[in-house]
Each structure stands twice: as C-alpha cells, then as structure tokens.
Amino acid sequence: MAIANNLKQLRTERNLNQEDLAAAIGSCCRTISRIERGDRNPSLELALRIAAYLELPLEDIFQAYDP
C-alpha cells in the first residue's frame, strides 16, 4: 500500500515554507521536501505532528491507496 499526500498544496496555501513547517514540528526541511515529493513516508508520530500543526485531520493530508 502506498501513501499519497497533499502536504505541499496545504503548506503553500498557508504561506509556509518548508523551513518554517519543519521548525514548527521539530523536523528538518529535507524531510519535508522528501515527504512532499513522495520519496519518503512520514512516521506516524511525524504525520500526527504535521496534522496537529496544520489543525487538520490526518486523512486530509495523507491518503493510502493501492498502486
């Protein structure tokens, strides 16, 4: 099962750059970039921190699908 996300769209709609989001959730901008590109799936903890910071349900950011 693969994970899709719309993190980049949500981040840019809120006028956040990768560095600001990363700092707010205790991560690094390279990790945010890799998640946005789909090169890396976030850990459950990181996904929950992102959702909490953006004040959105996890499902609004990350979606599971069968490729």
N, C-alpha and C. Protein backbone atom coordinates (compact mmCIF):
# COMPACT_ATOMS: atom_id res chain seq x y z
N MET A 1 0.84 -1.17 0.00
CA MET A 1 0.00 0.00 0.00
C MET A 1 0.90 1.24 0.00
N ALA A 2 0.52 2.20 -0.77
CA ALA A 2 1.30 3.43 -0.90
C ALA A 2 0.56 4.58 -0.19
N ILE A 3 1.29 5.63 0.07
CA ILE A 3 0.74 6.81 0.73
C ILE A 3 0.88 8.01 -0.20
N ALA A 4 -0.23 8.68 -0.45
CA ALA A 4 -0.21 9.95 -1.20
C ALA A 4 -0.43 11.08 -0.21
N ASN A 5 0.00 12.26 -0.58
CA ASN A 5 -0.24 13.40 0.31
C ASN A 5 -0.40 14.68 -0.51
N ASN A 6 -1.03 15.64 0.12
CA ASN A 6 -1.17 16.96 -0.49
C ASN A 6 -0.53 18.01 0.43
N LEU A 7 0.54 17.62 1.08
CA LEU A 7 1.22 18.49 2.03
C LEU A 7 1.71 19.78 1.38
N LYS A 8 2.31 19.68 0.22
CA LYS A 8 2.84 20.88 -0.43
C LYS A 8 1.73 21.89 -0.70
N GLN A 9 0.61 21.42 -1.23
CA GLN A 9 -0.51 22.31 -1.52
C GLN A 9 -1.01 22.98 -0.23
N LEU A 10 -1.19 22.20 0.82
CA LEU A 10 -1.67 22.75 2.08
C LEU A 10 -0.68 23.75 2.67
N ARG A 11 0.61 23.41 2.57
CA ARG A 11 1.65 24.29 3.11
C ARG A 11 1.69 25.61 2.37
N THR A 12 1.63 25.56 1.04
CA THR A 12 1.70 26.81 0.26
C THR A 12 0.43 27.64 0.42
N GLU A 13 -0.73 26.99 0.57
CA GLU A 13 -1.96 27.74 0.81
C GLU A 13 -1.88 28.56 2.10
N ARG A 14 -1.09 28.08 3.04
CA ARG A 14 -0.93 28.76 4.33
C ARG A 14 0.30 29.66 4.37
N ASN A 15 0.91 29.85 3.21
CA ASN A 15 2.10 30.71 3.09
C ASN A 15 3.23 30.27 4.02
N LEU A 16 3.41 28.96 4.13
CA LEU A 16 4.51 28.41 4.92
C LEU A 16 5.59 27.91 3.98
N ASN A 17 6.84 28.14 4.32
CA ASN A 17 7.89 27.49 3.56
C ASN A 17 8.29 26.21 4.29
N GLN A 18 9.07 25.39 3.63
CA GLN A 18 9.45 24.10 4.22
C GLN A 18 10.22 24.28 5.52
N GLU A 19 11.05 25.29 5.58
CA GLU A 19 11.86 25.52 6.79
C GLU A 19 10.97 25.86 7.99
N ASP A 20 9.97 26.71 7.78
CA ASP A 20 9.08 27.10 8.88
C ASP A 20 8.26 25.90 9.38
N LEU A 21 7.74 25.12 8.45
CA LEU A 21 6.97 23.94 8.85
C LEU A 21 7.85 22.96 9.60
N ALA A 22 9.04 22.72 9.08
CA ALA A 22 9.96 21.79 9.72
C ALA A 22 10.30 22.24 11.14
N ALA A 23 10.60 23.50 11.30
CA ALA A 23 10.94 24.02 12.63
C ALA A 23 9.77 23.88 13.59
N ALA A 24 8.56 24.13 13.10
CA ALA A 24 7.37 24.08 13.95
C ALA A 24 7.06 22.67 14.44
N ILE A 25 7.43 21.66 13.66
CA ILE A 25 7.11 20.29 14.05
C ILE A 25 8.32 19.51 14.54
N GLY A 26 9.47 20.18 14.62
CA GLY A 26 10.67 19.52 15.12
C GLY A 26 11.31 18.57 14.13
N SER A 27 11.33 18.97 12.87
CA SER A 27 11.92 18.15 11.82
C SER A 27 12.91 19.00 11.04
N CYS A 28 13.32 18.53 9.87
CA CYS A 28 14.21 19.34 9.03
C CYS A 28 13.56 19.52 7.66
N CYS A 29 13.97 20.54 6.96
CA CYS A 29 13.34 20.87 5.68
C CYS A 29 13.58 19.79 4.63
N ARG A 30 14.68 19.06 4.72
CA ARG A 30 14.92 17.96 3.78
C ARG A 30 13.87 16.87 3.94
N THR A 31 13.47 16.60 5.17
CA THR A 31 12.43 15.60 5.43
C THR A 31 11.10 16.06 4.84
N ILE A 32 10.75 17.32 5.04
CA ILE A 32 9.51 17.85 4.49
C ILE A 32 9.53 17.75 2.97
N SER A 33 10.64 18.09 2.35
CA SER A 33 10.78 18.01 0.90
C SER A 33 10.58 16.58 0.41
N ARG A 34 11.19 15.63 1.08
CA ARG A 34 11.08 14.22 0.67
C ARG A 34 9.65 13.71 0.82
N ILE A 35 8.98 14.12 1.87
CA ILE A 35 7.58 13.72 2.07
C ILE A 35 6.71 14.32 0.97
N GLU A 36 6.89 15.60 0.67
CA GLU A 36 6.10 16.25 -0.36
C GLU A 36 6.29 15.60 -1.73
N ARG A 37 7.51 15.19 -2.04
CA ARG A 37 7.79 14.55 -3.33
C ARG A 37 7.33 13.10 -3.37
N GLY A 38 7.01 12.52 -2.22
CA GLY A 38 6.63 11.12 -2.16
C GLY A 38 7.81 10.18 -2.09
N ASP A 39 9.00 10.73 -1.85
CA ASP A 39 10.21 9.91 -1.72
C ASP A 39 10.28 9.23 -0.36
N ARG A 40 9.53 9.74 0.60
CA ARG A 40 9.55 9.21 1.96
C ARG A 40 8.16 9.32 2.56
N ASN A 41 7.77 8.30 3.30
CA ASN A 41 6.54 8.37 4.06
C ASN A 41 6.89 8.80 5.48
N PRO A 42 6.09 9.67 6.06
CA PRO A 42 6.39 10.10 7.43
C PRO A 42 6.08 8.99 8.43
N SER A 43 6.77 9.01 9.54
CA SER A 43 6.40 8.12 10.63
C SER A 43 5.03 8.55 11.12
N LEU A 44 4.38 7.69 11.86
CA LEU A 44 3.07 8.05 12.41
C LEU A 44 3.19 9.28 13.31
N GLU A 45 4.24 9.32 14.12
CA GLU A 45 4.44 10.47 15.01
C GLU A 45 4.59 11.76 14.22
N LEU A 46 5.40 11.74 13.17
CA LEU A 46 5.61 12.94 12.37
C LEU A 46 4.33 13.34 11.64
N ALA A 47 3.60 12.37 11.10
CA ALA A 47 2.33 12.67 10.43
C ALA A 47 1.35 13.32 11.40
N LEU A 48 1.30 12.83 12.63
CA LEU A 48 0.41 13.41 13.63
C LEU A 48 0.84 14.82 14.01
N ARG A 49 2.15 15.06 14.09
CA ARG A 49 2.62 16.42 14.39
C ARG A 49 2.28 17.38 13.28
N ILE A 50 2.41 16.93 12.03
CA ILE A 50 2.05 17.77 10.89
C ILE A 50 0.55 18.10 10.94
N ALA A 51 -0.27 17.09 11.14
CA ALA A 51 -1.72 17.29 11.19
C ALA A 51 -2.11 18.23 12.32
N ALA A 52 -1.49 18.06 13.47
CA ALA A 52 -1.80 18.93 14.61
C ALA A 52 -1.40 20.37 14.31
N TYR A 53 -0.23 20.56 13.73
CA TYR A 53 0.23 21.92 13.43
C TYR A 53 -0.68 22.59 12.40
N LEU A 54 -1.10 21.83 11.38
CA LEU A 54 -1.97 22.39 10.35
C LEU A 54 -3.43 22.42 10.79
N GLU A 55 -3.71 21.86 11.95
CA GLU A 55 -5.07 21.78 12.50
C GLU A 55 -6.03 21.12 11.52
N LEU A 56 -5.60 19.98 10.99
CA LEU A 56 -6.40 19.20 10.04
C LEU A 56 -6.39 17.74 10.47
N PRO A 57 -7.45 17.01 10.11
CA PRO A 57 -7.41 15.57 10.33
C PRO A 57 -6.31 14.94 9.48
N LEU A 58 -5.72 13.90 9.99
CA LEU A 58 -4.65 13.21 9.29
C LEU A 58 -5.07 12.82 7.87
N GLU A 59 -6.32 12.37 7.72
CA GLU A 59 -6.82 11.92 6.43
C GLU A 59 -6.93 13.04 5.40
N ASP A 60 -6.96 14.29 5.85
CA ASP A 60 -6.99 15.41 4.91
C ASP A 60 -5.62 15.69 4.30
N ILE A 61 -4.58 15.11 4.90
CA ILE A 61 -3.22 15.34 4.42
C ILE A 61 -2.66 14.11 3.73
N PHE A 62 -2.85 12.95 4.35
CA PHE A 62 -2.27 11.70 3.85
C PHE A 62 -3.38 10.71 3.50
N GLN A 63 -3.25 10.06 2.34
CA GLN A 63 -4.22 9.07 1.88
C GLN A 63 -3.50 7.80 1.45
N ALA A 64 -4.02 6.66 1.88
CA ALA A 64 -3.48 5.38 1.47
C ALA A 64 -4.17 4.93 0.19
N TYR A 65 -3.42 4.28 -0.70
CA TYR A 65 -4.01 3.76 -1.93
C TYR A 65 -3.22 2.55 -2.39
N ASP A 66 -3.85 1.73 -3.22
CA ASP A 66 -3.17 0.58 -3.84
C ASP A 66 -2.69 0.99 -5.21
N PRO A 67 -1.39 0.92 -5.43
CA PRO A 67 -0.86 1.33 -6.75
C PRO A 67 -1.22 0.35 -7.86
